[in-house]
Amino acid sequence: MNHSTLSQATGRPFTPWLQLACATAAAALLGGCLATTPTMGENKGTVTGAAGGAQAENQNSALEKCSESLGTMAVQEDTSAPWFMQLRGYQLGSTIPVLRLMIQQSNCFVIVERGGAMRNMMQERQLQQTGEMRAGSNFGKGQMVSADYTMSPSIQFSQKTGGGMAGLATRAFGAFGALAGSMSQNEAATTLLLIDNRSGVQISAAEGTAKNMDFGLFGSAFTGGLAGAGGGYSSTPQGKVIVTAFADSYNQMVKALRNYKAQTVKGGLGTGGRLGVDGGSTPASRELNQGKK
């Protein structure tokens, strides 16, 4: 039904204010329909399920697996990096919990705690030293497991592109077009670095990407007053695409580590390298100086 038909049916001119009022009422009704009771176990993302020791339950079948673990690992993220600040803008928290779940489900590494829970671990040991703990609590020295490796995650970029659908719909249908919302594409690129803690040598580096389509339920005319109805639809996809990019990074890393071959330098790592300089004292430099004689 067009504007002229509505005006004839009501006997009143169909003004822009009336259009906006009708659109707002429709949005409110639709928003009420979206306020459903939460269902446990639904809205699964790329990294799902649980891990207990070497066993995993309900994990994503696309996640790479290892028949045996390659060592112990701590995960550390740079909370001062710009990408970490960007996560706050998406109402997202630390990447570490989901990365640790993914790593344990793969059975490629055994995770050791080096984050906030370390304070609780040390607190228990301090209590042991005060003599307040029961006999047999067994918090003596020599029980902690060292971290063979450290994994560092980073996000190269995470952005939303598109969003032109809302403008087209609004121009075509007036205020009702705001209900059509907007369609945009979320994109993310991530990197994982694996460092040997004893030597400081980088063992592996892997990059991953992901993208999805995000349908915004309401246009900008309603984002202020009706944020509760459609807000989740605009934020959740961004978080999911970041996790998927990290999963892609991790899968690429596991595939590379299956064919791992250590890098070597003639003369040994950290002894000066193979690029000598005139008058230098490294083995390569001495070779260079001897060649001049």
C-alpha atoms as a PDB file:
ATOM      1  CA  MET A   1       0.000   0.000   0.000  1.00  0.00           C
ATOM      2  CA  ASN A   2       1.514   3.325  -1.068  1.00  0.00           C
ATOM      3  CA  HIS A   3       1.279   6.739   0.572  1.00  0.00           C
ATOM      4  CA  SER A   4      -1.670   7.957  -1.566  1.00  0.00           C
ATOM      5  CA  THR A   5      -3.689   4.807  -0.844  1.00  0.00           C
ATOM      6  CA  LEU A   6      -3.049   5.187   2.885  1.00  0.00           C
ATOM      7  CA  SER A   7      -4.089   8.869   2.708  1.00  0.00           C
ATOM      8  CA  GLN A   8      -7.321   7.957   0.952  1.00  0.00           C
ATOM      9  CA  ALA A   9      -8.070   5.196   3.467  1.00  0.00           C
ATOM     10  CA  THR A  10      -7.467   7.369   6.507  1.00  0.00           C
ATOM     11  CA  GLY A  11      -8.660  10.705   5.113  1.00  0.00           C
ATOM     12  CA  ARG A  12      -5.459  12.330   6.381  1.00  0.00           C
ATOM     13  CA  PRO A  13      -2.212  13.191   4.625  1.00  0.00           C
ATOM     14  CA  PHE A  14       0.523  10.605   5.218  1.00  0.00           C
ATOM     15  CA  THR A  15       3.211  12.962   6.516  1.00  0.00           C
ATOM     16  CA  PRO A  16       6.854  12.051   7.260  1.00  0.00           C
ATOM     17  CA  TRP A  17       6.098  12.308  10.979  1.00  0.00           C
ATOM     18  CA  LEU A  18       3.339   9.767  10.605  1.00  0.00           C
ATOM     19  CA  GLN A  19       5.712   7.516   8.654  1.00  0.00           C
ATOM     20  CA  LEU A  20       8.235   7.706  11.454  1.00  0.00           C
ATOM     21  CA  ALA A  21       5.595   6.966  14.095  1.00  0.00           C
ATOM     22  CA  CYS A  22       4.417   3.871  12.215  1.00  0.00           C
ATOM     23  CA  ALA A  23       7.966   2.662  11.689  1.00  0.00           C
ATOM     24  CA  THR A  24       8.776   3.144  15.374  1.00  0.00           C
ATOM     25  CA  ALA A  25       5.699   1.181  16.415  1.00  0.00           C
ATOM     26  CA  ALA A  26       6.587  -1.636  14.045  1.00  0.00           C
ATOM     27  CA  ALA A  27      10.151  -1.692  15.345  1.00  0.00           C
ATOM     28  CA  ALA A  28       8.942  -1.878  18.929  1.00  0.00           C
ATOM     29  CA  LEU A  29       6.695  -4.828  18.092  1.00  0.00           C
ATOM     30  CA  LEU A  30       9.520  -6.578  16.277  1.00  0.00           C
ATOM     31  CA  GLY A  31      11.883  -5.862  19.137  1.00  0.00           C
ATOM     32  CA  GLY A  32       9.438  -7.549  21.504  1.00  0.00           C
ATOM     33  CA  CYS A  33       9.432 -10.631  19.300  1.00  0.00           C
ATOM     34  CA  LEU A  34      13.229 -10.810  19.502  1.00  0.00           C
ATOM     35  CA  ALA A  35      13.290 -10.812  23.301  1.00  0.00           C
ATOM     36  CA  THR A  36      13.081 -14.603  23.548  1.00  0.00           C
ATOM     37  CA  THR A  37      14.123 -16.818  26.440  1.00  0.00           C
ATOM     38  CA  PRO A  38      17.819 -17.804  26.256  1.00  0.00           C
ATOM     39  CA  THR A  39      18.465 -21.414  25.261  1.00  0.00           C
ATOM     40  CA  MET A  40      21.485 -23.182  26.707  1.00  0.00           C
ATOM     41  CA  GLY A  41      23.963 -24.485  24.150  1.00  0.00           C
ATOM     42  CA  GLU A  42      22.735 -22.427  21.208  1.00  0.00           C
ATOM     43  CA  ASN A  43      24.408 -19.596  19.277  1.00  0.00           C
ATOM     44  CA  LYS A  44      27.572 -21.662  18.805  1.00  0.00           C
ATOM     45  CA  GLY A  45      30.633 -20.047  17.320  1.00  0.00           C
ATOM     46  CA  THR A  46      33.740 -21.445  15.656  1.00  0.00           C
ATOM     47  CA  VAL A  47      35.329 -22.559  18.932  1.00  0.00           C
ATOM     48  CA  THR A  48      32.765 -24.575  20.883  1.00  0.00           C
ATOM     49  CA  GLY A  49      32.424 -27.360  23.416  1.00  0.00           C
ATOM     50  CA  ALA A  50      34.853 -28.235  26.186  1.00  0.00           C
ATOM     51  CA  ALA A  51      38.201 -29.856  26.925  1.00  0.00           C
ATOM     52  CA  GLY A  52      39.238 -32.096  29.807  1.00  0.00           C
ATOM     53  CA  GLY A  53      42.839 -33.256  29.727  1.00  0.00           C
ATOM     54  CA  ALA A  54      43.489 -34.815  26.324  1.00  0.00           C
ATOM     55  CA  GLN A  55      39.780 -35.289  25.640  1.00  0.00           C
ATOM     56  CA  ALA A  56      37.496 -32.800  23.886  1.00  0.00           C
ATOM     57  CA  GLU A  57      33.706 -32.645  23.701  1.00  0.00           C
ATOM     58  CA  ASN A  58      31.550 -30.994  21.026  1.00  0.00           C
ATOM     59  CA  GLN A  59      34.552 -29.305  19.429  1.00  0.00           C
ATOM     60  CA  ASN A  60      34.517 -27.913  15.913  1.00  0.00           C
ATOM     61  CA  SER A  61      35.429 -30.745  13.540  1.00  0.00           C
ATOM     62  CA  ALA A  62      37.439 -28.295  11.397  1.00  0.00           C
ATOM     63  CA  LEU A  63      39.961 -27.735  14.221  1.00  0.00           C
ATOM     64  CA  GLU A  64      43.316 -29.410  13.550  1.00  0.00           C
ATOM     65  CA  LYS A  65      44.305 -32.167  16.018  1.00  0.00           C
ATOM     66  CA  CYS A  66      47.571 -33.699  17.226  1.00  0.00           C
ATOM     67  CA  SER A  67      48.006 -37.356  18.213  1.00  0.00           C
ATOM     68  CA  GLU A  68      50.570 -36.305  20.829  1.00  0.00           C
ATOM     69  CA  SER A  69      51.359 -33.026  22.576  1.00  0.00           C
ATOM     70  CA  LEU A  70      54.422 -31.081  21.490  1.00  0.00           C
ATOM     71  CA  GLY A  71      55.144 -29.390  24.818  1.00  0.00           C
ATOM     72  CA  THR A  72      53.764 -27.016  27.420  1.00  0.00           C
ATOM     73  CA  MET A  73      52.569 -23.543  26.518  1.00  0.00           C
ATOM     74  CA  ALA A  74      51.591 -20.226  28.067  1.00  0.00           C
ATOM     75  CA  VAL A  75      49.473 -17.697  26.166  1.00  0.00           C
ATOM     76  CA  GLN A  76      50.276 -14.032  26.540  1.00  0.00           C
ATOM     77  CA  GLU A  77      48.568 -11.084  24.841  1.00  0.00           C
ATOM     78  CA  ASP A  78      49.815  -7.503  24.658  1.00  0.00           C
ATOM     79  CA  THR A  79      47.098  -5.555  26.481  1.00  0.00           C
ATOM     80  CA  SER A  80      48.733  -2.235  25.518  1.00  0.00           C
ATOM     81  CA  ALA A  81      48.502  -2.922  21.768  1.00  0.00           C
ATOM     82  CA  PRO A  82      46.030  -0.902  19.649  1.00  0.00           C
ATOM     83  CA  TRP A  83      44.207  -4.071  18.569  1.00  0.00           C
ATOM     84  CA  PHE A  84      43.449  -4.912  22.202  1.00  0.00           C
ATOM     85  CA  MET A  85      41.926  -1.470  22.673  1.00  0.00           C
ATOM     86  CA  GLN A  86      39.837  -2.113  19.562  1.00  0.00           C
ATOM     87  CA  LEU A  87      38.342  -5.206  21.200  1.00  0.00           C
ATOM     88  CA  ARG A  88      36.930  -2.981  23.925  1.00  0.00           C
ATOM     89  CA  GLY A  89      35.133  -1.010  21.241  1.00  0.00           C
ATOM     90  CA  TYR A  90      33.363  -4.205  20.180  1.00  0.00           C
ATOM     91  CA  GLN A  91      32.470  -5.018  23.820  1.00  0.00           C
ATOM     92  CA  LEU A  92      34.829  -8.001  23.654  1.00  0.00           C
ATOM     93  CA  GLY A  93      37.210  -9.182  26.342  1.00  0.00           C
ATOM     94  CA  SER A  94      40.509 -11.052  26.345  1.00  0.00           C
ATOM     95  CA  THR A  95      41.276 -13.486  23.538  1.00  0.00           C
ATOM     96  CA  ILE A  96      43.130 -15.833  25.915  1.00  0.00           C
ATOM     97  CA  PRO A  97      40.208 -17.983  27.211  1.00  0.00           C
ATOM     98  CA  VAL A  98      38.973 -18.953  23.751  1.00  0.00           C
ATOM     99  CA  LEU A  99      42.541 -19.539  22.507  1.00  0.00           C
ATOM    100  CA  ARG A 100      43.311 -21.776  25.472  1.00  0.00           C
ATOM    101  CA  LEU A 101      40.157 -23.797  24.861  1.00  0.00           C
ATOM    102  CA  MET A 102      41.055 -24.210  21.189  1.00  0.00           C
ATOM    103  CA  ILE A 103      44.650 -25.236  21.965  1.00  0.00           C
ATOM    104  CA  GLN A 104      43.652 -27.821  24.570  1.00  0.00           C
ATOM    105  CA  GLN A 105      40.984 -29.294  22.314  1.00  0.00           C
ATOM    106  CA  SER A 106      43.622 -29.798  19.613  1.00  0.00           C
ATOM    107  CA  ASN A 107      45.891 -31.717  22.055  1.00  0.00           C
ATOM    108  CA  CYS A 108      48.912 -30.133  20.364  1.00  0.00           C
ATOM    109  CA  PHE A 109      50.101 -28.355  23.529  1.00  0.00           C
ATOM    110  CA  VAL A 110      49.505 -28.587  27.275  1.00  0.00           C
ATOM    111  CA  ILE A 111      48.456 -25.205  28.669  1.00  0.00           C
ATOM    112  CA  VAL A 112      50.080 -23.882  31.847  1.00  0.00           C
ATOM    113  CA  GLU A 113      48.795 -20.907  33.807  1.00  0.00           C
ATOM    114  CA  ARG A 114      50.759 -17.674  33.580  1.00  0.00           C
ATOM    115  CA  GLY A 115      47.899 -15.182  33.838  1.00  0.00           C
ATOM    116  CA  GLY A 116      45.810 -13.785  36.646  1.00  0.00           C
ATOM    117  CA  ALA A 117      45.321 -17.186  38.320  1.00  0.00           C
ATOM    118  CA  MET A 118      49.057 -17.205  39.096  1.00  0.00           C
ATOM    119  CA  ARG A 119      48.310 -14.829  41.954  1.00  0.00           C
ATOM    120  CA  ASN A 120      45.997 -17.406  43.493  1.00  0.00           C
ATOM    121  CA  MET A 121      48.588 -20.143  43.024  1.00  0.00           C
ATOM    122  CA  MET A 122      51.230 -18.070  44.789  1.00  0.00           C
ATOM    123  CA  GLN A 123      48.763 -17.113  47.517  1.00  0.00           C
ATOM    124  CA  GLU A 124      48.222 -20.786  48.334  1.00  0.00           C
ATOM    125  CA  ARG A 125      51.971 -21.253  48.671  1.00  0.00           C
ATOM    126  CA  GLN A 126      52.234 -18.236  50.932  1.00  0.00           C
ATOM    127  CA  LEU A 127      49.494 -19.662  53.143  1.00  0.00           C
ATOM    128  CA  GLN A 128      51.396 -22.931  53.287  1.00  0.00           C
ATOM    129  CA  GLN A 129      54.465 -21.078  54.528  1.00  0.00           C
ATOM    130  CA  THR A 130      52.499 -19.412  57.333  1.00  0.00           C
ATOM    131  CA  GLY A 131      51.584 -22.824  58.728  1.00  0.00           C
ATOM    132  CA  GLU A 132      47.853 -22.143  58.487  1.00  0.00           C
ATOM    133  CA  MET A 133      47.135 -24.971  56.029  1.00  0.00           C
ATOM    134  CA  ARG A 134      46.244 -28.480  57.088  1.00  0.00           C
ATOM    135  CA  ALA A 135      48.876 -31.176  57.142  1.00  0.00           C
ATOM    136  CA  GLY A 136      49.168 -32.927  53.806  1.00  0.00           C
ATOM    137  CA  SER A 137      48.108 -29.904  51.731  1.00  0.00           C
ATOM    138  CA  ASN A 138      51.251 -30.556  49.689  1.00  0.00           C
ATOM    139  CA  PHE A 139      52.041 -27.100  48.386  1.00  0.00           C
ATOM    140  CA  GLY A 140      55.778 -27.616  48.677  1.00  0.00           C
ATOM    141  CA  LYS A 141      58.339 -26.443  46.167  1.00  0.00           C
ATOM    142  CA  GLY A 142      59.247 -28.201  42.945  1.00  0.00           C
ATOM    143  CA  GLN A 143      55.730 -28.917  41.636  1.00  0.00           C
ATOM    144  CA  MET A 144      55.074 -26.218  39.056  1.00  0.00           C
ATOM    145  CA  VAL A 145      55.396 -27.149  35.383  1.00  0.00           C
ATOM    146  CA  SER A 146      57.518 -24.867  33.222  1.00  0.00           C
ATOM    147  CA  ALA A 147      56.195 -23.373  29.981  1.00  0.00           C
ATOM    148  CA  ASP A 148      58.262 -24.629  27.069  1.00  0.00           C
ATOM    149  CA  TYR A 149      56.689 -22.139  24.684  1.00  0.00           C
ATOM    150  CA  THR A 150      54.752 -18.877  24.697  1.00  0.00           C
ATOM    151  CA  MET A 151      52.071 -18.085  22.147  1.00  0.00           C
ATOM    152  CA  SER A 152      51.321 -14.431  21.409  1.00  0.00           C
ATOM    153  CA  PRO A 153      48.124 -13.481  19.538  1.00  0.00           C
ATOM    154  CA  SER A 154      47.600 -10.251  17.618  1.00  0.00           C
ATOM    155  CA  ILE A 155      44.954  -8.792  15.326  1.00  0.00           C
ATOM    156  CA  GLN A 156      46.244  -7.126  12.157  1.00  0.00           C
ATOM    157  CA  PHE A 157      42.906  -5.599  11.284  1.00  0.00           C
ATOM    158  CA  SER A 158      39.260  -6.053  12.108  1.00  0.00           C
ATOM    159  CA  GLN A 159      36.772  -3.908  10.288  1.00  0.00           C
ATOM    160  CA  LYS A 160      33.256  -3.650   8.948  1.00  0.00           C
ATOM    161  CA  THR A 161      32.690  -2.854   5.277  1.00  0.00           C
ATOM    162  CA  GLY A 162      29.547  -2.098   3.298  1.00  0.00           C
ATOM    163  CA  GLY A 163      26.411  -0.830   5.009  1.00  0.00           C
ATOM    164  CA  GLY A 164      24.829   0.778   1.963  1.00  0.00           C
ATOM    165  CA  MET A 165      21.609  -1.217   2.106  1.00  0.00           C
ATOM    166  CA  ALA A 166      20.029   0.970   4.762  1.00  0.00           C
ATOM    167  CA  GLY A 167      20.476   4.141   2.736  1.00  0.00           C
ATOM    168  CA  LEU A 168      18.964   2.558  -0.356  1.00  0.00           C
ATOM    169  CA  ALA A 169      16.017   1.216   1.597  1.00  0.00           C
ATOM    170  CA  THR A 170      15.383   4.532   3.309  1.00  0.00           C
ATOM    171  CA  ARG A 171      15.411   6.439   0.017  1.00  0.00           C
ATOM    172  CA  ALA A 172      13.086   3.885  -1.567  1.00  0.00           C
ATOM    173  CA  PHE A 173      10.578   3.452   1.247  1.00  0.00           C
ATOM    174  CA  GLY A 174      10.970   6.488   3.496  1.00  0.00           C
ATOM    175  CA  ALA A 175      10.895   5.824   7.245  1.00  0.00           C
ATOM    176  CA  PHE A 176       9.863   2.203   6.677  1.00  0.00           C
ATOM    177  CA  GLY A 177      13.220   1.672   5.014  1.00  0.00           C
ATOM    178  CA  ALA A 178      14.915   2.011   8.381  1.00  0.00           C
ATOM    179  CA  LEU A 179      13.430  -1.341   9.321  1.00  0.00           C
ATOM    180  CA  ALA A 180      15.304  -2.983   6.478  1.00  0.00           C
ATOM    181  CA  GLY A 181      18.495  -2.318   8.383  1.00  0.00           C
ATOM    182  CA  SER A 182      21.918  -2.598   6.770  1.00  0.00           C
ATOM    183  CA  MET A 183      24.049  -5.408   5.460  1.00  0.00           C
ATOM    184  CA  SER A 184      27.795  -5.246   5.894  1.00  0.00           C
ATOM    185  CA  GLN A 185      30.776  -7.572   5.879  1.00  0.00           C
ATOM    186  CA  ASN A 186      32.965  -8.187   8.916  1.00  0.00           C
ATOM    187  CA  GLU A 187      36.599  -8.990   8.134  1.00  0.00           C
ATOM    188  CA  ALA A 188      39.500  -9.903  10.408  1.00  0.00           C
ATOM    189  CA  ALA A 189      43.142 -10.931   9.974  1.00  0.00           C
ATOM    190  CA  THR A 190      45.094 -12.379  12.885  1.00  0.00           C
ATOM    191  CA  THR A 191      48.592 -13.654  13.673  1.00  0.00           C
ATOM    192  CA  LEU A 192      49.895 -16.184  16.189  1.00  0.00           C
ATOM    193  CA  LEU A 193      53.577 -16.293  17.180  1.00  0.00           C
ATOM    194  CA  LEU A 194      55.175 -19.279  18.948  1.00  0.00           C
ATOM    195  CA  ILE A 195      58.365 -18.590  20.927  1.00  0.00           C
ATOM    196  CA  ASP A 196      60.743 -21.073  22.572  1.00  0.00           C
ATOM    197  CA  ASN A 197      61.057 -19.822  26.163  1.00  0.00           C
ATOM    198  CA  ARG A 198      64.534 -21.229  26.799  1.00  0.00           C
ATOM    199  CA  SER A 199      66.282 -19.791  23.769  1.00  0.00           C
ATOM    200  CA  GLY A 200      63.945 -16.979  22.724  1.00  0.00           C
ATOM    201  CA  VAL A 201      63.873 -18.402  19.192  1.00  0.00           C
ATOM    202  CA  GLN A 202      60.665 -18.037  17.206  1.00  0.00           C
ATOM    203  CA  ILE A 203      59.455 -21.537  16.399  1.00  0.00           C
ATOM    204  CA  SER A 204      56.445 -20.687  14.262  1.00  0.00           C
ATOM    205  CA  ALA A 205      54.316 -17.833  12.944  1.00  0.00           C
ATOM    206  CA  ALA A 206      50.915 -18.161  11.329  1.00  0.00           C
ATOM    207  CA  GLU A 207      48.371 -15.787   9.825  1.00  0.00           C
ATOM    208  CA  GLY A 208      44.656 -16.365   9.484  1.00  0.00           C
ATOM    209  CA  THR A 209      41.664 -14.560   8.019  1.00  0.00           C
ATOM    210  CA  ALA A 210      37.892 -14.744   8.223  1.00  0.00           C
ATOM    211  CA  LYS A 211      34.839 -12.803   7.125  1.00  0.00           C
ATOM    212  CA  ASN A 212      31.068 -12.961   7.480  1.00  0.00           C
ATOM    213  CA  MET A 213      27.973 -10.985   6.646  1.00  0.00           C
ATOM    214  CA  ASP A 214      26.321  -8.882   9.338  1.00  0.00           C
ATOM    215  CA  PHE A 215      22.672  -7.870   8.943  1.00  0.00           C
ATOM    216  CA  GLY A 216      21.852  -4.862  11.102  1.00  0.00           C
ATOM    217  CA  LEU A 217      18.236  -5.166  12.208  1.00  0.00           C
ATOM    218  CA  PHE A 218      17.505  -1.432  12.458  1.00  0.00           C
ATOM    219  CA  GLY A 219      18.834   1.593  10.655  1.00  0.00           C
ATOM    220  CA  SER A 220      20.537   4.520  12.300  1.00  0.00           C
ATOM    221  CA  ALA A 221      17.213   6.204  13.053  1.00  0.00           C
ATOM    222  CA  PHE A 222      16.531   3.577  15.707  1.00  0.00           C
ATOM    223  CA  THR A 223      19.960   2.768  17.137  1.00  0.00           C
ATOM    224  CA  GLY A 224      19.518   5.184  20.000  1.00  0.00           C
ATOM    225  CA  GLY A 225      16.084   4.374  21.349  1.00  0.00           C
ATOM    226  CA  LEU A 226      15.957   0.712  20.372  1.00  0.00           C
ATOM    227  CA  ALA A 227      19.528  -0.423  20.916  1.00  0.00           C
ATOM    228  CA  GLY A 228      18.382  -3.262  23.146  1.00  0.00           C
ATOM    229  CA  ALA A 229      16.405  -4.879  20.352  1.00  0.00           C
ATOM    230  CA  GLY A 230      19.032  -4.986  17.612  1.00  0.00           C
ATOM    231  CA  GLY A 231      22.327  -4.216  19.358  1.00  0.00           C
ATOM    232  CA  GLY A 232      23.371  -7.854  19.719  1.00  0.00           C
ATOM    233  CA  TYR A 233      23.078  -8.411  16.008  1.00  0.00           C
ATOM    234  CA  SER A 234      25.573  -5.663  15.260  1.00  0.00           C
ATOM    235  CA  SER A 235      28.214  -6.713  17.816  1.00  0.00           C
ATOM    236  CA  THR A 236      28.165 -10.516  18.006  1.00  0.00           C
ATOM    237  CA  PRO A 237      29.211 -11.183  14.376  1.00  0.00           C
ATOM    238  CA  GLN A 238      32.367  -9.104  14.817  1.00  0.00           C
ATOM    239  CA  GLY A 239      33.452 -11.202  17.785  1.00  0.00           C
ATOM    240  CA  LYS A 240      32.727 -14.424  15.948  1.00  0.00           C
ATOM    241  CA  VAL A 241      34.757 -13.432  12.902  1.00  0.00           C
ATOM    242  CA  ILE A 242      37.787 -12.574  15.077  1.00  0.00           C
ATOM    243  CA  VAL A 243      37.644 -15.985  16.771  1.00  0.00           C
ATOM    244  CA  THR A 244      37.334 -17.687  13.376  1.00  0.00           C
ATOM    245  CA  ALA A 245      40.402 -15.825  12.109  1.00  0.00           C
ATOM    246  CA  PHE A 246      42.371 -17.013  15.156  1.00  0.00           C
ATOM    247  CA  ALA A 247      41.181 -20.576  14.529  1.00  0.00           C
ATOM    248  CA  ASP A 248      42.418 -20.266  10.950  1.00  0.00           C
ATOM    249  CA  SER A 249      45.786 -18.989  12.239  1.00  0.00           C
ATOM    250  CA  TYR A 250      46.079 -21.895  14.655  1.00  0.00           C
ATOM    251  CA  ASN A 251      45.174 -24.482  12.022  1.00  0.00           C
ATOM    252  CA  GLN A 252      47.863 -23.080   9.731  1.00  0.00           C
ATOM    253  CA  MET A 253      50.397 -23.246  12.566  1.00  0.00           C
ATOM    254  CA  VAL A 254      49.574 -26.861  13.446  1.00  0.00           C
ATOM    255  CA  LYS A 255      49.937 -27.900   9.807  1.00  0.00           C
ATOM    256  CA  ALA A 256      53.368 -26.224   9.639  1.00  0.00           C
ATOM    257  CA  LEU A 257      54.512 -27.814  12.925  1.00  0.00           C
ATOM    258  CA  ARG A 258      53.646 -31.290  11.656  1.00  0.00           C
ATOM    259  CA  ASN A 259      56.491 -30.837   9.169  1.00  0.00           C
ATOM    260  CA  TYR A 260      58.720 -28.898  11.567  1.00  0.00           C
ATOM    261  CA  LYS A 261      62.422 -28.685  10.852  1.00  0.00           C
ATOM    262  CA  ALA A 262      64.586 -26.551  13.109  1.00  0.00           C
ATOM    263  CA  GLN A 263      66.388 -23.609  11.536  1.00  0.00           C
ATOM    264  CA  THR A 264      70.160 -23.895  11.787  1.00  0.00           C
ATOM    265  CA  VAL A 265      73.057 -21.496  11.371  1.00  0.00           C
ATOM    266  CA  LYS A 266      76.593 -22.659  10.663  1.00  0.00           C
ATOM    267  CA  GLY A 267      78.597 -22.237  13.842  1.00  0.00           C
ATOM    268  CA  GLY A 268      75.467 -22.270  16.050  1.00  0.00           C
ATOM    269  CA  LEU A 269      72.661 -19.852  16.834  1.00  0.00           C
ATOM    270  CA  GLY A 270      73.685 -16.580  18.411  1.00  0.00           C
ATOM    271  CA  THR A 271      77.402 -16.903  17.702  1.00  0.00           C
ATOM    272  CA  GLY A 272      77.568 -14.012  15.278  1.00  0.00           C
ATOM    273  CA  GLY A 273      75.731 -15.264  12.226  1.00  0.00           C
ATOM    274  CA  ARG A 274      77.002 -15.790   8.705  1.00  0.00           C
ATOM    275  CA  LEU A 275      77.198 -12.130   7.734  1.00  0.00           C
ATOM    276  CA  GLY A 276      80.667 -11.009   8.725  1.00  0.00           C
ATOM    277  CA  VAL A 277      81.958  -7.442   8.972  1.00  0.00           C
ATOM    278  CA  ASP A 278      85.409  -6.113   8.331  1.00  0.00           C
ATOM    279  CA  GLY A 279      87.500  -6.258  11.488  1.00  0.00           C
ATOM    280  CA  GLY A 280      84.831  -8.155  13.439  1.00  0.00           C
ATOM    281  CA  SER A 281      85.465 -10.972  15.889  1.00  0.00           C
ATOM    282  CA  THR A 282      82.658 -13.370  14.988  1.00  0.00           C
ATOM    283  CA  PRO A 283      83.506 -16.588  13.108  1.00  0.00           C
ATOM    284  CA  ALA A 284      82.052 -15.171   9.879  1.00  0.00           C
ATOM    285  CA  SER A 285      84.036 -11.956  10.320  1.00  0.00           C
ATOM    286  CA  ARG A 286      87.268 -13.889  10.905  1.00  0.00           C
ATOM    287  CA  GLU A 287      86.616 -15.897   7.751  1.00  0.00           C
ATOM    288  CA  LEU A 288      86.114 -12.630   5.887  1.00  0.00           C
ATOM    289  CA  ASN A 289      89.373 -11.168   7.231  1.00  0.00           C
ATOM    290  CA  GLN A 290      91.321 -14.330   6.435  1.00  0.00           C
ATOM    291  CA  GLY A 291      90.058 -14.217   2.861  1.00  0.00           C
ATOM    292  CA  LYS A 292      91.661 -10.797   2.436  1.00  0.00           C
ATOM    293  CA  LYS A 293      95.120 -12.054   3.309  1.00  0.00           C
END
